[in-house]
PDB file of N, CA and C in Angstrom:
ATOM      1  N   MET A   1     101.593  11.775 134.680  1.00  0.00           N
ATOM      2  CA  MET A   1     101.367  13.251 133.381  1.00  0.00           C
ATOM      3  C   MET A   1     102.520  13.751 133.870  1.00  0.00           C
ATOM      4  N   ARG A   2     102.548  14.337 135.373  1.00  0.00           N
ATOM      5  CA  ARG A   2     104.053  15.327 135.509  1.00  0.00           C
ATOM      6  C   ARG A   2     104.948  14.496 134.873  1.00  0.00           C
ATOM      7  N   GLY A   3     105.430  12.987 134.994  1.00  0.00           N
ATOM      8  CA  GLY A   3     106.335  12.580 134.984  1.00  0.00           C
ATOM      9  C   GLY A   3     106.854  12.561 133.208  1.00  0.00           C
ATOM     10  N   MET A   4     105.641  12.675 132.390  1.00  0.00           N
ATOM     11  CA  MET A   4     105.482  12.080 131.190  1.00  0.00           C
ATOM     12  C   MET A   4     106.139  13.482 130.832  1.00  0.00           C
ATOM     13  N   VAL A   5     105.664  14.784 131.327  1.00  0.00           N
ATOM     14  CA  VAL A   5     106.199  16.330 130.832  1.00  0.00           C
ATOM     15  C   VAL A   5     107.949  16.282 131.526  1.00  0.00           C
ATOM     16  N   ALA A   6     108.093  15.749 132.573  1.00  0.00           N
ATOM     17  CA  ALA A   6     109.842  15.888 132.772  1.00  0.00           C
ATOM     18  C   ALA A   6     110.428  15.546 131.921  1.00  0.00           C
ATOM     19  N   VAL A   7     110.004  14.369 131.556  1.00  0.00           N
ATOM     20  CA  VAL A   7     110.821  12.923 130.594  1.00  0.00           C
ATOM     21  C   VAL A   7     111.042  13.265 129.211  1.00  0.00           C
ATOM     22  N   THR A   8     109.849  14.266 128.276  1.00  0.00           N
ATOM     23  CA  THR A   8     109.956  14.817 127.407  1.00  0.00           C
ATOM     24  C   THR A   8     110.927  15.984 127.598  1.00  0.00           C
ATOM     25  N   LEU A   9     110.657  17.360 128.778  1.00  0.00           N
ATOM     26  CA  LEU A   9     111.603  18.434 128.586  1.00  0.00           C
ATOM     27  C   LEU A   9     113.080  17.868 128.822  1.00  0.00           C
ATOM     28  N   MET A  10     113.282  17.218 129.699  1.00  0.00           N
ATOM     29  CA  MET A  10     114.331  16.203 129.609  1.00  0.00           C
ATOM     30  C   MET A  10     115.142  15.774 128.002  1.00  0.00           C
ATOM     31  N   ALA A  11     114.435  14.929 127.789  1.00  0.00           N
ATOM     32  CA  ALA A  11     114.354  14.720 125.891  1.00  0.00           C
ATOM     33  C   ALA A  11     115.407  15.819 125.293  1.00  0.00           C
ATOM     34  N   LEU A  12     114.653  17.022 125.676  1.00  0.00           N
ATOM     35  CA  LEU A  12     114.462  17.844 124.160  1.00  0.00           C
ATOM     36  C   LEU A  12     115.761  19.045 124.978  1.00  0.00           C
ATOM     37  N   ALA A  13     115.846  18.834 125.870  1.00  0.00           N
ATOM     38  CA  ALA A  13     117.198  19.633 126.838  1.00  0.00           C
ATOM     39  C   ALA A  13     118.817  18.786 126.530  1.00  0.00           C
ATOM     40  N   SER A  14     118.410  17.589 126.199  1.00  0.00           N
ATOM     41  CA  SER A  14     119.555  17.062 125.941  1.00  0.00           C
ATOM     42  C   SER A  14     119.932  16.794 124.744  1.00  0.00           C
ATOM     43  N   ALA A  15     118.745  17.064 123.676  1.00  0.00           N
ATOM     44  CA  ALA A  15     118.789  17.265 121.833  1.00  0.00           C
ATOM     45  C   ALA A  15     119.625  18.652 122.125  1.00  0.00           C
ATOM     46  N   GLY A  16     119.224  19.173 122.650  1.00  0.00           N
ATOM     47  CA  GLY A  16     119.902  20.699 122.187  1.00  0.00           C
ATOM     48  C   GLY A  16     121.091  20.959 122.834  1.00  0.00           C
ATOM     49  N   VAL A  17     121.678  19.823 123.987  1.00  0.00           N
ATOM     50  CA  VAL A  17     122.887  19.899 124.713  1.00  0.00           C
ATOM     51  C   VAL A  17     123.905  19.205 122.996  1.00  0.00           C
ATOM     52  N   SER A  18     123.280  17.917 122.770  1.00  0.00           N
ATOM     53  CA  SER A  18     124.018  17.473 121.418  1.00  0.00           C
ATOM     54  C   SER A  18     124.167  18.637 120.066  1.00  0.00           C
ATOM     55  N   GLN A  19     123.134  18.920 119.759  1.00  0.00           N
ATOM     56  CA  GLN A  19     123.327  19.961 118.533  1.00  0.00           C
ATOM     57  C   GLN A  19     124.453  21.285 119.544  1.00  0.00           C
ATOM     58  N   ALA A  20     124.604  21.919 119.981  1.00  0.00           N
ATOM     59  CA  ALA A  20     125.408  23.487 120.657  1.00  0.00           C
ATOM     60  C   ALA A  20     126.621  22.420 120.756  1.00  0.00           C
ATOM     61  N   GLN A  21     126.826  20.943 120.945  1.00  0.00           N
ATOM     62  CA  GLN A  21     128.296  20.305 120.821  1.00  0.00           C
ATOM     63  C   GLN A  21     128.546  20.928 119.785  1.00  0.00           C
ATOM     64  N   ALA A  22     128.370  19.987 118.790  1.00  0.00           N
ATOM     65  CA  ALA A  22     128.195  19.829 117.479  1.00  0.00           C
ATOM     66  C   ALA A  22     128.800  20.921 116.671  1.00  0.00           C
ATOM     67  N   GLN A  23     127.694  21.784 116.906  1.00  0.00           N
ATOM     68  CA  GLN A  23     127.801  23.545 116.790  1.00  0.00           C
ATOM     69  C   GLN A  23     129.057  24.134 117.021  1.00  0.00           C
ATOM     70  N   ASP A  24     129.340  23.708 118.648  1.00  0.00           N
ATOM     71  CA  ASP A  24     131.077  24.456 119.569  1.00  0.00           C
ATOM     72  C   ASP A  24     131.955  23.406 118.582  1.00  0.00           C
ATOM     73  N   ALA A  25     132.293  22.193 118.262  1.00  0.00           N
ATOM     74  CA  ALA A  25     133.137  21.803 117.096  1.00  0.00           C
ATOM     75  C   ALA A  25     133.461  22.311 116.447  1.00  0.00           C
ATOM     76  N   ALA A  26     132.042  22.780 115.564  1.00  0.00           N
ATOM     77  CA  ALA A  26     132.578  23.708 113.915  1.00  0.00           C
ATOM     78  C   ALA A  26     132.894  24.964 114.403  1.00  0.00           C
ATOM     79  N   ALA A  27     132.926  26.064 115.480  1.00  0.00           N
ATOM     80  CA  ALA A  27     133.097  26.814 115.823  1.00  0.00           C
ATOM     81  C   ALA A  27     134.660  26.766 116.439  1.00  0.00           C
ATOM     82  N   GLY A  28     135.238  25.764 116.941  1.00  0.00           N
ATOM     83  CA  GLY A  28     136.427  25.360 117.228  1.00  0.00           C
ATOM     84  C   GLY A  28     137.031  25.166 116.342  1.00  0.00           C
ATOM     85  N   GLU A  29     136.748  24.512 115.626  1.00  0.00           N
ATOM     86  CA  GLU A  29     137.388  23.881 113.976  1.00  0.00           C
ATOM     87  C   GLU A  29     138.259  25.385 113.310  1.00  0.00           C
ATOM     88  N   LYS A  30     137.337  26.080 113.326  1.00  0.00           N
ATOM     89  CA  LYS A  30     137.610  27.600 113.211  1.00  0.00           C
ATOM     90  C   LYS A  30     138.743  28.806 113.517  1.00  0.00           C
ATOM     91  N   VAL A  31     138.443  28.650 114.852  1.00  0.00           N
ATOM     92  CA  VAL A  31     139.533  28.893 116.357  1.00  0.00           C
ATOM     93  C   VAL A  31     140.524  27.991 115.825  1.00  0.00           C
ATOM     94  N   PHE A  32     140.544  26.585 115.716  1.00  0.00           N
ATOM     95  CA  PHE A  32     142.129  25.952 115.550  1.00  0.00           C
ATOM     96  C   PHE A  32     142.661  26.485 114.730  1.00  0.00           C
ATOM     97  N   ALA A  33     142.523  27.134 113.123  1.00  0.00           N
ATOM     98  CA  ALA A  33     143.021  27.551 112.230  1.00  0.00           C
ATOM     99  C   ALA A  33     144.135  28.568 112.701  1.00  0.00           C
ATOM    100  N   VAL A  34     144.291  29.171 113.834  1.00  0.00           N
ATOM    101  CA  VAL A  34     145.318  29.953 114.468  1.00  0.00           C
ATOM    102  C   VAL A  34     146.430  28.653 115.273  1.00  0.00           C
ATOM    103  N   CYS A  35     145.883  27.656 115.817  1.00  0.00           N
ATOM    104  CA  CYS A  35     147.042  26.941 116.251  1.00  0.00           C
ATOM    105  C   CYS A  35     147.183  25.971 115.280  1.00  0.00           C
ATOM    106  N   LYS A  36     146.863  26.092 113.871  1.00  0.00           N
ATOM    107  CA  LYS A  36     147.883  25.340 112.796  1.00  0.00           C
ATOM    108  C   LYS A  36     149.024  25.446 112.483  1.00  0.00           C
ATOM    109  N   ALA A  37     149.374  26.969 112.772  1.00  0.00           N
ATOM    110  CA  ALA A  37     150.591  27.626 112.321  1.00  0.00           C
ATOM    111  C   ALA A  37     151.819  26.534 113.245  1.00  0.00           C
ATOM    112  N   CYS A  38     151.304  25.849 114.368  1.00  0.00           N
ATOM    113  CA  CYS A  38     152.488  24.917 114.805  1.00  0.00           C
ATOM    114  C   CYS A  38     151.812  23.618 115.201  1.00  0.00           C
ATOM    115  N   HIS A  39     150.640  23.594 114.862  1.00  0.00           N
ATOM    116  CA  HIS A  39     149.987  22.253 115.658  1.00  0.00           C
ATOM    117  C   HIS A  39     149.354  21.434 114.535  1.00  0.00           C
ATOM    118  N   GLN A  40     149.209  20.482 114.996  1.00  0.00           N
ATOM    119  CA  GLN A  40     148.359  19.135 113.918  1.00  0.00           C
ATOM    120  C   GLN A  40     147.381  18.066 114.680  1.00  0.00           C
ATOM    121  N   ILE A  41     146.330  18.356 114.235  1.00  0.00           N
ATOM    122  CA  ILE A  41     145.404  16.840 114.598  1.00  0.00           C
ATOM    123  C   ILE A  41     144.621  16.362 113.889  1.00  0.00           C
ATOM    124  N   GLY A  42     144.516  15.474 114.046  1.00  0.00           N
ATOM    125  CA  GLY A  42     143.778  14.583 113.035  1.00  0.00           C
ATOM    126  C   GLY A  42     144.397  13.173 112.631  1.00  0.00           C
ATOM    127  N   GLU A  43     144.068  11.964 111.967  1.00  0.00           N
ATOM    128  CA  GLU A  43     144.789  10.892 111.593  1.00  0.00           C
ATOM    129  C   GLU A  43     146.030  11.205 111.089  1.00  0.00           C
ATOM    130  N   ASN A  44     146.189  12.185 110.232  1.00  0.00           N
ATOM    131  CA  ASN A  44     147.837  12.376 109.524  1.00  0.00           C
ATOM    132  C   ASN A  44     149.058  12.985 110.429  1.00  0.00           C
ATOM    133  N   ALA A  45     148.440  13.835 111.561  1.00  0.00           N
ATOM    134  CA  ALA A  45     148.888  14.250 111.940  1.00  0.00           C
ATOM    135  C   ALA A  45     150.538  13.828 112.473  1.00  0.00           C
ATOM    136  N   LYS A  46     150.981  15.222 112.420  1.00  0.00           N
ATOM    137  CA  LYS A  46     152.528  14.760 112.808  1.00  0.00           C
ATOM    138  C   LYS A  46     153.032  16.027 113.976  1.00  0.00           C
ATOM    139  N   ASN A  47     153.979  15.767 114.607  1.00  0.00           N
ATOM    140  CA  ASN A  47     154.559  16.842 115.451  1.00  0.00           C
ATOM    141  C   ASN A  47     155.145  17.989 114.264  1.00  0.00           C
ATOM    142  N   SER A  48     155.171  19.434 114.746  1.00  0.00           N
ATOM    143  CA  SER A  48     155.641  20.148 114.065  1.00  0.00           C
ATOM    144  C   SER A  48     156.534  21.345 114.786  1.00  0.00           C
ATOM    145  N   VAL A  49     156.033  22.298 114.676  1.00  0.00           N
ATOM    146  CA  VAL A  49     156.691  23.235 115.204  1.00  0.00           C
ATOM    147  C   VAL A  49     156.426  23.163 117.054  1.00  0.00           C
ATOM    148  N   GLY A  50     155.136  22.856 117.178  1.00  0.00           N
ATOM    149  CA  GLY A  50     154.379  22.085 118.200  1.00  0.00           C
ATOM    150  C   GLY A  50     153.882  21.050 118.250  1.00  0.00           C
ATOM    151  N   PRO A  51     153.662  20.084 119.350  1.00  0.00           N
ATOM    152  CA  PRO A  51     153.667  18.338 119.058  1.00  0.00           C
ATOM    153  C   PRO A  51     152.142  18.706 118.426  1.00  0.00           C
ATOM    154  N   GLU A  52     151.836  17.493 117.936  1.00  0.00           N
ATOM    155  CA  GLU A  52     150.685  16.911 117.622  1.00  0.00           C
ATOM    156  C   GLU A  52     149.628  17.072 118.774  1.00  0.00           C
ATOM    157  N   LEU A  53     148.620  17.192 118.396  1.00  0.00           N
ATOM    158  CA  LEU A  53     147.229  17.499 119.551  1.00  0.00           C
ATOM    159  C   LEU A  53     146.076  16.282 119.906  1.00  0.00           C
ATOM    160  N   ASN A  54     146.597  15.380 118.820  1.00  0.00           N
ATOM    161  CA  ASN A  54     145.040  13.797 119.180  1.00  0.00           C
ATOM    162  C   ASN A  54     145.105  13.565 120.962  1.00  0.00           C
ATOM    163  N   GLY A  55     144.386  13.180 121.143  1.00  0.00           N
ATOM    164  CA  GLY A  55     144.460  12.629 122.263  1.00  0.00           C
ATOM    165  C   GLY A  55     144.804  14.052 123.181  1.00  0.00           C
ATOM    166  N   LEU A  56     144.393  15.447 123.424  1.00  0.00           N
ATOM    167  CA  LEU A  56     145.315  16.288 124.067  1.00  0.00           C
ATOM    168  C   LEU A  56     144.728  15.776 125.894  1.00  0.00           C
ATOM    169  N   ILE A  57     143.050  16.062 125.511  1.00  0.00           N
ATOM    170  CA  ILE A  57     142.405  16.319 126.623  1.00  0.00           C
ATOM    171  C   ILE A  57     142.593  15.028 127.355  1.00  0.00           C
ATOM    172  N   GLY A  58     143.164  14.833 128.993  1.00  0.00           N
ATOM    173  CA  GLY A  58     143.800  13.102 129.028  1.00  0.00           C
ATOM    174  C   GLY A  58     144.866  13.070 129.069  1.00  0.00           C
ATOM    175  N   ARG A  59     145.933  13.454 128.509  1.00  0.00           N
ATOM    176  CA  ARG A  59     147.495  12.886 127.847  1.00  0.00           C
ATOM    177  C   ARG A  59     148.448  14.389 129.214  1.00  0.00           C
ATOM    178  N   HIS A  60     149.178  13.449 129.104  1.00  0.00           N
ATOM    179  CA  HIS A  60     150.175  14.167 130.489  1.00  0.00           C
ATOM    180  C   HIS A  60     151.217  15.081 129.628  1.00  0.00           C
ATOM    181  N   SER A  61     151.152  16.482 129.664  1.00  0.00           N
ATOM    182  CA  SER A  61     152.154  17.386 129.560  1.00  0.00           C
ATOM    183  C   SER A  61     153.460  16.481 128.886  1.00  0.00           C
ATOM    184  N   GLY A  62     154.322  17.210 127.956  1.00  0.00           N
ATOM    185  CA  GLY A  62     155.383  16.819 127.603  1.00  0.00           C
ATOM    186  C   GLY A  62     155.182  15.128 127.211  1.00  0.00           C
ATOM    187  N   SER A  63     154.651  14.726 126.650  1.00  0.00           N
ATOM    188  CA  SER A  63     154.210  13.023 126.355  1.00  0.00           C
ATOM    189  C   SER A  63     154.464  12.633 125.077  1.00  0.00           C
ATOM    190  N   VAL A  64     154.665  13.558 124.449  1.00  0.00           N
ATOM    191  CA  VAL A  64     154.392  12.914 122.899  1.00  0.00           C
ATOM    192  C   VAL A  64     155.960  12.363 121.964  1.00  0.00           C
ATOM    193  N   ALA A  65     155.869  10.953 122.021  1.00  0.00           N
ATOM    194  CA  ALA A  65     156.740  10.889 121.182  1.00  0.00           C
ATOM    195  C   ALA A  65     157.542  12.149 120.447  1.00  0.00           C
ATOM    196  N   GLY A  66     158.530  12.235 120.127  1.00  0.00           N
ATOM    197  CA  GLY A  66     159.282  12.176 119.211  1.00  0.00           C
ATOM    198  C   GLY A  66     159.028  14.022 119.711  1.00  0.00           C
ATOM    199  N   TYR A  67     158.802  14.331 120.101  1.00  0.00           N
ATOM    200  CA  TYR A  67     158.351  16.140 119.934  1.00  0.00           C
ATOM    201  C   TYR A  67     159.287  16.486 121.176  1.00  0.00           C
ATOM    202  N   SER A  68     160.614  17.558 120.738  1.00  0.00           N
ATOM    203  CA  SER A  68     161.192  18.090 121.839  1.00  0.00           C
ATOM    204  C   SER A  68     160.247  19.282 122.967  1.00  0.00           C
ATOM    205  N   TYR A  69     160.343  18.791 124.102  1.00  0.00           N
ATOM    206  CA  TYR A  69     159.921  19.476 124.885  1.00  0.00           C
ATOM    207  C   TYR A  69     160.840  20.826 125.555  1.00  0.00           C
ATOM    208  N   SER A  70     160.048  21.470 126.093  1.00  0.00           N
ATOM    209  CA  SER A  70     160.899  22.541 127.178  1.00  0.00           C
ATOM    210  C   SER A  70     160.760  21.540 127.888  1.00  0.00           C
ATOM    211  N   ALA A  71     162.566  22.021 129.287  1.00  0.00           N
ATOM    212  CA  ALA A  71     161.698  21.072 130.722  1.00  0.00           C
ATOM    213  C   ALA A  71     160.725  21.580 131.348  1.00  0.00           C
ATOM    214  N   ALA A  72     160.419  22.563 131.008  1.00  0.00           N
ATOM    215  CA  ALA A  72     159.218  23.646 131.950  1.00  0.00           C
ATOM    216  C   ALA A  72     157.972  22.185 131.949  1.00  0.00           C
ATOM    217  N   ASN A  73     158.083  22.068 130.417  1.00  0.00           N
ATOM    218  CA  ASN A  73     156.288  21.426 130.304  1.00  0.00           C
ATOM    219  C   ASN A  73     156.673  19.783 130.590  1.00  0.00           C
ATOM    220  N   LYS A  74     157.807  19.275 130.063  1.00  0.00           N
ATOM    221  CA  LYS A  74     157.805  17.666 130.515  1.00  0.00           C
ATOM    222  C   LYS A  74     157.798  17.987 132.116  1.00  0.00           C
ATOM    223  N   ASN A  75     158.243  18.819 132.842  1.00  0.00           N
ATOM    224  CA  ASN A  75     158.766  18.259 134.476  1.00  0.00           C
ATOM    225  C   ASN A  75     157.101  19.352 135.187  1.00  0.00           C
ATOM    226  N   SER A  76     156.171  19.555 133.886  1.00  0.00           N
ATOM    227  CA  SER A  76     155.200  20.389 135.306  1.00  0.00           C
ATOM    228  C   SER A  76     154.324  19.471 135.370  1.00  0.00           C
ATOM    229  N   GLY A  77     154.118  18.233 135.509  1.00  0.00           N
ATOM    230  CA  GLY A  77     153.197  17.517 136.293  1.00  0.00           C
ATOM    231  C   GLY A  77     151.684  17.530 135.914  1.00  0.00           C
ATOM    232  N   LEU A  78     151.375  18.002 134.740  1.00  0.00           N
ATOM    233  CA  LEU A  78     150.177  18.927 134.671  1.00  0.00           C
ATOM    234  C   LEU A  78     149.680  17.362 133.285  1.00  0.00           C
ATOM    235  N   THR A  79     148.166  17.337 134.005  1.00  0.00           N
ATOM    236  CA  THR A  79     147.540  16.370 133.253  1.00  0.00           C
ATOM    237  C   THR A  79     146.246  17.259 132.047  1.00  0.00           C
ATOM    238  N   TRP A  80     146.466  17.214 131.174  1.00  0.00           N
ATOM    239  CA  TRP A  80     145.519  18.272 130.395  1.00  0.00           C
ATOM    240  C   TRP A  80     144.220  17.531 130.567  1.00  0.00           C
ATOM    241  N   ASP A  81     143.432  18.323 131.444  1.00  0.00           N
ATOM    242  CA  ASP A  81     141.769  18.618 131.277  1.00  0.00           C
ATOM    243  C   ASP A  81     141.574  19.674 130.786  1.00  0.00           C
ATOM    244  N   GLU A  82     140.143  19.631 131.004  1.00  0.00           N
ATOM    245  CA  GLU A  82     139.379  20.761 130.376  1.00  0.00           C
ATOM    246  C   GLU A  82     139.757  22.221 131.563  1.00  0.00           C
ATOM    247  N   ALA A  83     139.507  22.085 132.376  1.00  0.00           N
ATOM    248  CA  ALA A  83     140.308  23.511 133.438  1.00  0.00           C
ATOM    249  C   ALA A  83     141.881  23.406 133.202  1.00  0.00           C
ATOM    250  N   THR A  84     142.878  22.369 133.594  1.00  0.00           N
ATOM    251  CA  THR A  84     144.096  22.808 132.932  1.00  0.00           C
ATOM    252  C   THR A  84     144.416  23.392 131.263  1.00  0.00           C
ATOM    253  N   PHE A  85     143.880  23.253 130.586  1.00  0.00           N
ATOM    254  CA  PHE A  85     144.213  23.614 129.528  1.00  0.00           C
ATOM    255  C   PHE A  85     143.264  25.209 129.117  1.00  0.00           C
ATOM    256  N   ARG A  86     142.612  24.786 129.307  1.00  0.00           N
ATOM    257  CA  ARG A  86     141.460  26.476 129.585  1.00  0.00           C
ATOM    258  C   ARG A  86     142.310  27.467 129.985  1.00  0.00           C
ATOM    259  N   GLU A  87     143.151  27.430 131.266  1.00  0.00           N
ATOM    260  CA  GLU A  87     143.759  28.013 132.292  1.00  0.00           C
ATOM    261  C   GLU A  87     145.250  28.294 131.175  1.00  0.00           C
ATOM    262  N   TYR A  88     145.649  27.360 130.565  1.00  0.00           N
ATOM    263  CA  TYR A  88     147.407  27.405 130.117  1.00  0.00           C
ATOM    264  C   TYR A  88     146.674  28.025 128.456  1.00  0.00           C
ATOM    265  N   ILE A  89     145.451  27.737 127.719  1.00  0.00           N
ATOM    266  CA  ILE A  89     145.658  28.335 126.713  1.00  0.00           C
ATOM    267  C   ILE A  89     145.151  30.169 127.381  1.00  0.00           C
ATOM    268  N   GLN A  90     144.713  30.547 127.971  1.00  0.00           N
ATOM    269  CA  GLN A  90     144.726  32.071 128.419  1.00  0.00           C
ATOM    270  C   GLN A  90     145.732  32.494 128.071  1.00  0.00           C
ATOM    271  N   ASN A  91     146.541  31.948 129.157  1.00  0.00           N
ATOM    272  CA  ASN A  91     147.948  32.113 129.047  1.00  0.00           C
ATOM    273  C   ASN A  91     149.329  31.597 129.145  1.00  0.00           C
ATOM    274  N   PRO A  92     150.063  30.880 128.288  1.00  0.00           N
ATOM    275  CA  PRO A  92     150.727  29.164 128.180  1.00  0.00           C
ATOM    276  C   PRO A  92     151.870  30.030 129.637  1.00  0.00           C
ATOM    277  N   LYS A  93     152.296  31.515 129.055  1.00  0.00           N
ATOM    278  CA  LYS A  93     153.530  31.155 129.877  1.00  0.00           C
ATOM    279  C   LYS A  93     153.308  32.059 131.100  1.00  0.00           C
ATOM    280  N   ALA A  94     151.800  31.711 131.905  1.00  0.00           N
ATOM    281  CA  ALA A  94     151.757  32.062 133.301  1.00  0.00           C
ATOM    282  C   ALA A  94     151.410  30.208 133.930  1.00  0.00           C
ATOM    283  N   LYS A  95     150.627  29.379 133.127  1.00  0.00           N
ATOM    284  CA  LYS A  95     150.703  28.424 133.555  1.00  0.00           C
ATOM    285  C   LYS A  95     151.845  27.883 133.240  1.00  0.00           C
ATOM    286  N   ILE A  96     152.211  27.404 132.255  1.00  0.00           N
ATOM    287  CA  ILE A  96     153.919  26.692 132.396  1.00  0.00           C
ATOM    288  C   ILE A  96     155.246  27.904 132.607  1.00  0.00           C
ATOM    289  N   PRO A  97     155.589  28.457 133.567  1.00  0.00           N
ATOM    290  CA  PRO A  97     156.891  29.839 132.962  1.00  0.00           C
ATOM    291  C   PRO A  97     158.132  28.760 132.164  1.00  0.00           C
ATOM    292  N   GLY A  98     158.198  28.909 131.496  1.00  0.00           N
ATOM    293  CA  GLY A  98     159.794  27.890 130.443  1.00  0.00           C
ATOM    294  C   GLY A  98     159.241  27.691 129.613  1.00  0.00           C
ATOM    295  N   THR A  99     157.955  27.627 129.344  1.00  0.00           N
ATOM    296  CA  THR A  99     157.174  26.558 128.294  1.00  0.00           C
ATOM    297  C   THR A  99     157.750  27.397 126.731  1.00  0.00           C
ATOM    298  N   LYS A 100     158.018  26.356 125.729  1.00  0.00           N
ATOM    299  CA  LYS A 100     158.703  27.147 124.019  1.00  0.00           C
ATOM    300  C   LYS A 100     157.571  27.424 123.874  1.00  0.00           C
ATOM    301  N   MET A 101     155.840  27.852 124.343  1.00  0.00           N
ATOM    302  CA  MET A 101     154.921  28.054 123.046  1.00  0.00           C
ATOM    303  C   MET A 101     154.866  29.439 123.080  1.00  0.00           C
ATOM    304  N   VAL A 102     155.102  30.265 122.241  1.00  0.00           N
ATOM    305  CA  VAL A 102     155.361  31.416 122.236  1.00  0.00           C
ATOM    306  C   VAL A 102     153.427  32.051 122.106  1.00  0.00           C
ATOM    307  N   TYR A 103     152.786  31.458 121.887  1.00  0.00           N
ATOM    308  CA  TYR A 103     151.297  32.177 121.323  1.00  0.00           C
ATOM    309  C   TYR A 103     150.810  32.878 122.942  1.00  0.00           C
ATOM    310  N   ALA A 104     150.586  33.842 122.983  1.00  0.00           N
ATOM    311  CA  ALA A 104     150.364  34.812 123.734  1.00  0.00           C
ATOM    312  C   ALA A 104     148.890  34.723 124.558  1.00  0.00           C
ATOM    313  N   GLY A 105     148.194  34.114 124.114  1.00  0.00           N
ATOM    314  CA  GLY A 105     147.016  33.562 125.053  1.00  0.00           C
ATOM    315  C   GLY A 105     145.681  33.843 124.215  1.00  0.00           C
ATOM    316  N   LEU A 106     144.526  32.986 124.547  1.00  0.00           N
ATOM    317  CA  LEU A 106     143.167  33.307 124.094  1.00  0.00           C
ATOM    318  C   LEU A 106     142.449  33.556 125.242  1.00  0.00           C
ATOM    319  N   LYS A 107     141.464  34.848 124.853  1.00  0.00           N
ATOM    320  CA  LYS A 107     140.870  35.446 126.426  1.00  0.00           C
ATOM    321  C   LYS A 107     139.710  35.357 126.162  1.00  0.00           C
ATOM    322  N   ASP A 108     138.719  35.003 124.605  1.00  0.00           N
ATOM    323  CA  ASP A 108     137.453  35.020 124.438  1.00  0.00           C
ATOM    324  C   ASP A 108     136.758  33.753 124.880  1.00  0.00           C
ATOM    325  N   GLU A 109     135.969  33.455 126.120  1.00  0.00           N
ATOM    326  CA  GLU A 109     135.772  32.219 126.787  1.00  0.00           C
ATOM    327  C   GLU A 109     134.626  31.286 125.645  1.00  0.00           C
ATOM    328  N   LYS A 110     134.186  32.004 124.706  1.00  0.00           N
ATOM    329  CA  LYS A 110     133.122  31.060 124.032  1.00  0.00           C
ATOM    330  C   LYS A 110     134.104  30.479 122.684  1.00  0.00           C
ATOM    331  N   LYS A 111     135.341  31.349 122.550  1.00  0.00           N
ATOM    332  CA  LYS A 111     136.403  30.913 121.541  1.00  0.00           C
ATOM    333  C   LYS A 111     137.131  29.161 121.894  1.00  0.00           C
ATOM    334  N   ILE A 112     137.298  29.772 123.428  1.00  0.00           N
ATOM    335  CA  ILE A 112     137.883  28.687 124.371  1.00  0.00           C
ATOM    336  C   ILE A 112     136.990  27.570 124.183  1.00  0.00           C
ATOM    337  N   ASN A 113     135.919  27.820 124.592  1.00  0.00           N
ATOM    338  CA  ASN A 113     134.715  26.479 124.834  1.00  0.00           C
ATOM    339  C   ASN A 113     134.867  25.425 123.825  1.00  0.00           C
ATOM    340  N   ASP A 114     134.790  26.611 122.480  1.00  0.00           N
ATOM    341  CA  ASP A 114     134.316  25.942 121.248  1.00  0.00           C
ATOM    342  C   ASP A 114     136.028  25.306 120.688  1.00  0.00           C
ATOM    343  N   LEU A 115     136.931  25.853 121.047  1.00  0.00           N
ATOM    344  CA  LEU A 115     137.965  25.309 121.024  1.00  0.00           C
ATOM    345  C   LEU A 115     138.523  23.607 122.144  1.00  0.00           C
ATOM    346  N   ILE A 116     137.844  23.637 122.835  1.00  0.00           N
ATOM    347  CA  ILE A 116     138.502  22.138 123.572  1.00  0.00           C
ATOM    348  C   ILE A 116     136.759  21.714 123.102  1.00  0.00           C
ATOM    349  N   ALA A 117     136.216  21.844 122.110  1.00  0.00           N
ATOM    350  CA  ALA A 117     134.863  21.065 121.617  1.00  0.00           C
ATOM    351  C   ALA A 117     135.202  20.286 120.616  1.00  0.00           C
ATOM    352  N   PHE A 118     136.360  20.562 119.566  1.00  0.00           N
ATOM    353  CA  PHE A 118     136.421  20.442 118.792  1.00  0.00           C
ATOM    354  C   PHE A 118     137.773  20.026 119.076  1.00  0.00           C
ATOM    355  N   LEU A 119     138.771  19.924 119.792  1.00  0.00           N
ATOM    356  CA  LEU A 119     140.225  19.404 120.129  1.00  0.00           C
ATOM    357  C   LEU A 119     139.908  17.983 120.850  1.00  0.00           C
ATOM    358  N   LYS A 120     138.271  17.851 121.409  1.00  0.00           N
ATOM    359  CA  LYS A 120     137.868  16.326 122.544  1.00  0.00           C
ATOM    360  C   LYS A 120     137.565  15.330 121.782  1.00  0.00           C
ATOM    361  N   GLN A 121     137.277  16.116 120.366  1.00  0.00           N
ATOM    362  CA  GLN A 121     136.821  14.677 119.382  1.00  0.00           C
ATOM    363  C   GLN A 121     137.565  14.260 118.369  1.00  0.00           C
ATOM    364  N   PHE A 122     139.106  14.105 118.903  1.00  0.00           N
ATOM    365  CA  PHE A 122     140.310  13.646 118.333  1.00  0.00           C
ATOM    366  C   PHE A 122     140.660  12.433 119.374  1.00  0.00           C
ATOM    367  N   ASP A 123     140.618  11.341 119.276  1.00  0.00           N
ATOM    368  CA  ASP A 123     141.297  10.309 120.374  1.00  0.00           C
ATOM    369  C   ASP A 123     142.701  10.272 120.071  1.00  0.00           C
ATOM    370  N   ALA A 124     143.266   9.299 120.438  1.00  0.00           N
ATOM    371  CA  ALA A 124     145.119   9.410 120.825  1.00  0.00           C
ATOM    372  C   ALA A 124     145.404   9.409 119.291  1.00  0.00           C
ATOM    373  N   SER A 125     145.105   8.549 118.669  1.00  0.00           N
ATOM    374  CA  SER A 125     145.045   8.045 117.259  1.00  0.00           C
ATOM    375  C   SER A 125     144.549   8.969 116.135  1.00  0.00           C
ATOM    376  N   GLY A 126     143.985  10.186 116.418  1.00  0.00           N
ATOM    377  CA  GLY A 126     143.661  11.074 115.740  1.00  0.00           C
ATOM    378  C   GLY A 126     142.516  11.124 114.712  1.00  0.00           C
ATOM    379  N   LYS A 127     141.791   9.694 115.394  1.00  0.00           N
ATOM    380  CA  LYS A 127     140.664   9.189 114.497  1.00  0.00           C
ATOM    381  C   LYS A 127     139.606  10.043 115.858  1.00  0.00           C
ATOM    382  N   LYS A 128     138.297  10.591 114.608  1.00  0.00           N
ATOM    383  CA  LYS A 128     137.300  11.613 115.481  1.00  0.00           C
ATOM    384  C   LYS A 128     136.376  10.468 115.865  1.00  0.00           C
ATOM    385  N   LYS A 129     136.143  10.876 117.307  1.00  0.00           N
ATOM    386  CA  LYS A 129     135.516   9.720 118.678  1.00  0.00           C
ATOM    387  C   LYS A 129     133.957   9.368 118.166  1.00  0.00           C
TER     388      LYS A 129
END
C-alpha cells in the first residue's frame, strides 16, 4: 500500500513538473519579446543584429555560421549551458568582457528561468522538440 501511495505521489509530482515547464516556456516567450529586437529563433530564424538562437543550450559561444562575433565572444571558450547562460544574461559584459551585446541584463530569476525554458524548446534547426 505504501509503495502504491509513493508511486501515485511521484506520478502526480512529475505531471505537475511537465505543466510547470509548459507554463514557463509560454512565459519565457513573453520575456523573449525584448530579445527579438536583436535575435531570432525558430525554423525561419536568421542572424540579425545578434545571432539566431536555435539550439543555444549546448552550443559553443561564437559558433553560429555567418554571424560576425566579437573576438571576446569567439575566444571565450564558453559552452552555453543553463548556468552559463544564466550568468551571461544577468550581466553580459561582466561574463564576456568585450562582447558586442549591448543589453544591460535581466535580473529577475523567474524571468530568466522562463526564458531558458523557452529557448530550450528549439533544436539547432529551429524545430520545437
